[in-house]
């Protein structure tokens, strides 16, 4: 259950919804106002002049671990020459989210290390003095790849 007290005016948020065509949509913005009764939150989405009222279950505070990039086509994992580009695409998404990534160290010149039957560890990251591992995994429900960062101890190598 989402707690409205978690959000304050000016917090950076990740807004996940579905567009008019039924496709997943992720946007970033700032909290513009919070109701005291657990109701909707006013957000100011990047690139828009006005604010939008959204339900609490559609937003979360931006974190390096919830900036996830989903790309169509599992061939992005199968072809080693394409995997280094996944790092750059995720970095662009992290920048859109407003994150400051201090260092990115690609593993095996960006082609990554297979760490499971479903994915690769692509790079080690440093942000806010903490270490993270960037991984690309095959989506279990569709022909897509998920790229996300997590704590190194989250995945066993």
Protein backbone atom coordinates (compact mmCIF):
# COMPACT_ATOMS: atom_id res chain seq x y z
CA UNK A 1 0.00 0.00 0.00
CA UNK A 2 1.34 3.41 -0.92
CA UNK A 3 1.67 5.99 1.83
CA UNK A 4 1.09 9.64 0.85
CA UNK A 5 3.46 10.75 3.59
CA UNK A 6 6.23 9.26 1.49
CA UNK A 7 5.83 12.05 -1.02
CA UNK A 8 6.67 15.69 -0.51
CA UNK A 9 6.43 18.69 -2.75
CA UNK A 10 9.39 18.61 -5.16
CA UNK A 11 10.17 14.87 -4.91
CA UNK A 12 11.38 13.33 -8.17
CA UNK A 13 8.94 10.61 -9.30
CA UNK A 14 8.55 7.86 -11.86
CA UNK A 15 5.03 7.68 -13.32
CA UNK A 16 3.95 4.38 -14.88
CA UNK A 17 0.70 4.19 -16.83
CA UNK A 18 -0.75 2.90 -20.09
CA UNK A 19 -1.06 5.13 -23.15
CA UNK A 20 -4.20 5.42 -25.31
CA UNK A 21 -3.03 2.53 -27.51
CA UNK A 22 -2.59 0.20 -24.51
CA UNK A 23 1.21 0.37 -24.42
CA UNK A 24 3.13 0.86 -21.16
CA UNK A 25 4.23 4.43 -20.61
CA UNK A 26 6.88 5.65 -18.17
CA UNK A 27 7.36 9.36 -17.53
CA UNK A 28 9.34 11.33 -14.96
CA UNK A 29 8.49 14.48 -13.10
CA UNK A 30 8.11 16.13 -9.72
CA UNK A 31 5.46 16.09 -7.03
CA UNK A 32 3.55 19.38 -7.15
CA UNK A 33 1.12 18.70 -4.32
CA UNK A 34 -0.04 15.95 -1.99
CA UNK A 35 -3.52 15.53 -0.54
CA UNK A 36 -3.74 14.77 3.16
CA UNK A 37 -6.42 12.10 2.81
CA UNK A 38 -4.46 9.54 0.78
CA UNK A 39 -6.05 10.68 -2.44
CA UNK A 40 -4.40 11.53 -5.74
CA UNK A 41 -1.17 13.47 -6.08
CA UNK A 42 -0.49 16.46 -8.33
CA UNK A 43 2.59 15.85 -10.49
CA UNK A 44 4.47 18.08 -12.88
CA UNK A 45 5.66 15.78 -15.67
CA UNK A 46 8.83 16.64 -17.56
CA UNK A 47 8.15 18.55 -20.76
CA UNK A 48 4.63 19.64 -19.81
CA UNK A 49 3.56 23.08 -18.68
CA UNK A 50 0.60 22.08 -16.51
CA UNK A 51 0.23 19.56 -13.74
CA UNK A 52 -1.62 16.25 -13.77
CA UNK A 53 -3.53 14.59 -10.96
CA UNK A 54 -2.50 10.92 -10.72
CA UNK A 55 -3.31 8.02 -8.43
CA UNK A 56 -0.74 7.07 -5.84
CA UNK A 57 -0.38 3.54 -7.20
CA UNK A 58 0.99 4.92 -10.50
CA UNK A 59 3.97 6.79 -9.04
CA UNK A 60 7.06 5.97 -7.04
CA UNK A 61 10.11 7.92 -6.01
CA UNK A 62 12.91 7.70 -8.55
CA UNK A 63 15.64 5.29 -7.56
CA UNK A 64 18.48 3.75 -9.51
CA UNK A 65 16.84 0.37 -8.93
CA UNK A 66 13.46 1.29 -10.44
CA UNK A 67 14.73 2.87 -13.64
CA UNK A 68 13.98 -0.06 -15.94
CA UNK A 69 14.27 -0.03 -19.69
CA UNK A 70 12.18 -2.54 -21.65
CA UNK A 71 13.16 -3.08 -25.27
CA UNK A 72 11.40 -5.24 -27.80
CA UNK A 73 13.35 -8.17 -29.22
CA UNK A 74 15.29 -10.79 -27.28
CA UNK A 75 17.90 -10.78 -30.08
CA UNK A 76 19.40 -7.80 -28.23
CA UNK A 77 20.72 -10.35 -25.72
CA UNK A 78 21.63 -13.05 -28.21
CA UNK A 79 23.92 -10.88 -30.35
CA UNK A 80 27.06 -9.85 -28.39
CA UNK A 81 27.65 -6.88 -30.70
CA UNK A 82 24.31 -5.36 -29.60
CA UNK A 83 24.77 -5.72 -25.83
CA UNK A 84 27.15 -2.73 -25.37
CA UNK A 85 24.41 -0.48 -26.76
CA UNK A 86 22.08 -1.60 -23.97
CA UNK A 87 24.37 0.12 -21.47
CA UNK A 88 24.14 3.41 -23.36
CA UNK A 89 20.38 3.17 -23.73
CA UNK A 90 19.93 2.53 -20.00
CA UNK A 91 22.25 5.45 -19.19
CA UNK A 92 20.04 7.72 -21.33
CA UNK A 93 16.95 6.51 -19.44
CA UNK A 94 18.70 7.11 -16.10
CA UNK A 95 19.59 10.62 -17.24
CA UNK A 96 15.94 11.25 -18.19
CA UNK A 97 15.00 10.09 -14.70
CA UNK A 98 17.34 12.71 -13.24
CA UNK A 99 19.90 10.29 -11.82
CA UNK A 100 23.57 11.13 -11.51
CA UNK A 101 25.70 8.11 -12.42
CA UNK A 102 29.29 8.70 -11.28
CA UNK A 103 30.97 5.82 -13.11
CA UNK A 104 30.10 3.00 -15.48
CA UNK A 105 32.52 0.11 -15.92
CA UNK A 106 31.39 -2.26 -18.70
CA UNK A 107 32.12 -5.95 -18.13
CA UNK A 108 33.98 -7.78 -20.89
CA UNK A 109 34.08 -4.60 -23.04
CA UNK A 110 30.34 -4.27 -22.78
CA UNK A 111 29.30 -7.70 -24.01
CA UNK A 112 28.75 -8.69 -20.38
CA UNK A 113 29.06 -11.86 -18.40
CA UNK A 114 26.32 -14.48 -18.53
CA UNK A 115 25.08 -14.68 -14.96
CA UNK A 116 22.01 -16.86 -15.52
CA UNK A 117 20.21 -18.67 -18.30
CA UNK A 118 18.05 -15.56 -18.72
CA UNK A 119 20.57 -12.73 -18.75
CA UNK A 120 23.88 -10.94 -18.56
CA UNK A 121 25.63 -8.65 -16.11
CA UNK A 122 26.63 -5.75 -18.39
CA UNK A 123 28.38 -3.20 -16.19
CA UNK A 124 29.25 -2.09 -12.70
CA UNK A 125 27.86 1.34 -11.77
CA UNK A 126 28.60 3.86 -9.05
CA UNK A 127 25.96 6.36 -7.97
CA UNK A 128 25.84 8.41 -4.76
CA UNK A 129 28.84 6.47 -3.49
CA UNK A 130 27.08 3.08 -3.82
CA UNK A 131 27.88 0.22 -6.20
CA UNK A 132 25.31 -1.34 -8.51
CA UNK A 133 25.26 -3.96 -11.24
CA UNK A 134 23.52 -3.27 -14.55
CA UNK A 135 21.81 -6.39 -15.91
CA UNK A 136 19.91 -7.31 -19.03
CA UNK A 137 17.44 -10.19 -18.80
CA UNK A 138 15.01 -11.84 -21.14
CA UNK A 139 11.40 -10.92 -20.35
CA UNK A 140 9.40 -14.01 -19.38
CA UNK A 141 6.06 -12.80 -20.76
CA UNK A 142 7.03 -11.40 -24.16
CA UNK A 143 9.83 -11.08 -26.72
CA UNK A 144 11.61 -8.27 -24.91
CA UNK A 145 14.68 -7.46 -22.82
CA UNK A 146 14.67 -5.70 -19.44
CA UNK A 147 17.69 -3.60 -18.44
CA UNK A 148 17.93 -2.51 -14.82
CA UNK A 149 20.41 -1.83 -12.06
CA UNK A 150 20.47 -3.49 -8.68
CA UNK A 151 22.73 -4.13 -5.74
CA UNK A 152 25.58 -6.52 -6.64
CA UNK A 153 24.56 -8.98 -3.93
CA UNK A 154 21.07 -9.15 -5.43
CA UNK A 155 22.37 -11.43 -8.17
CA UNK A 156 24.69 -14.35 -7.64
CA UNK A 157 27.53 -14.74 -10.15
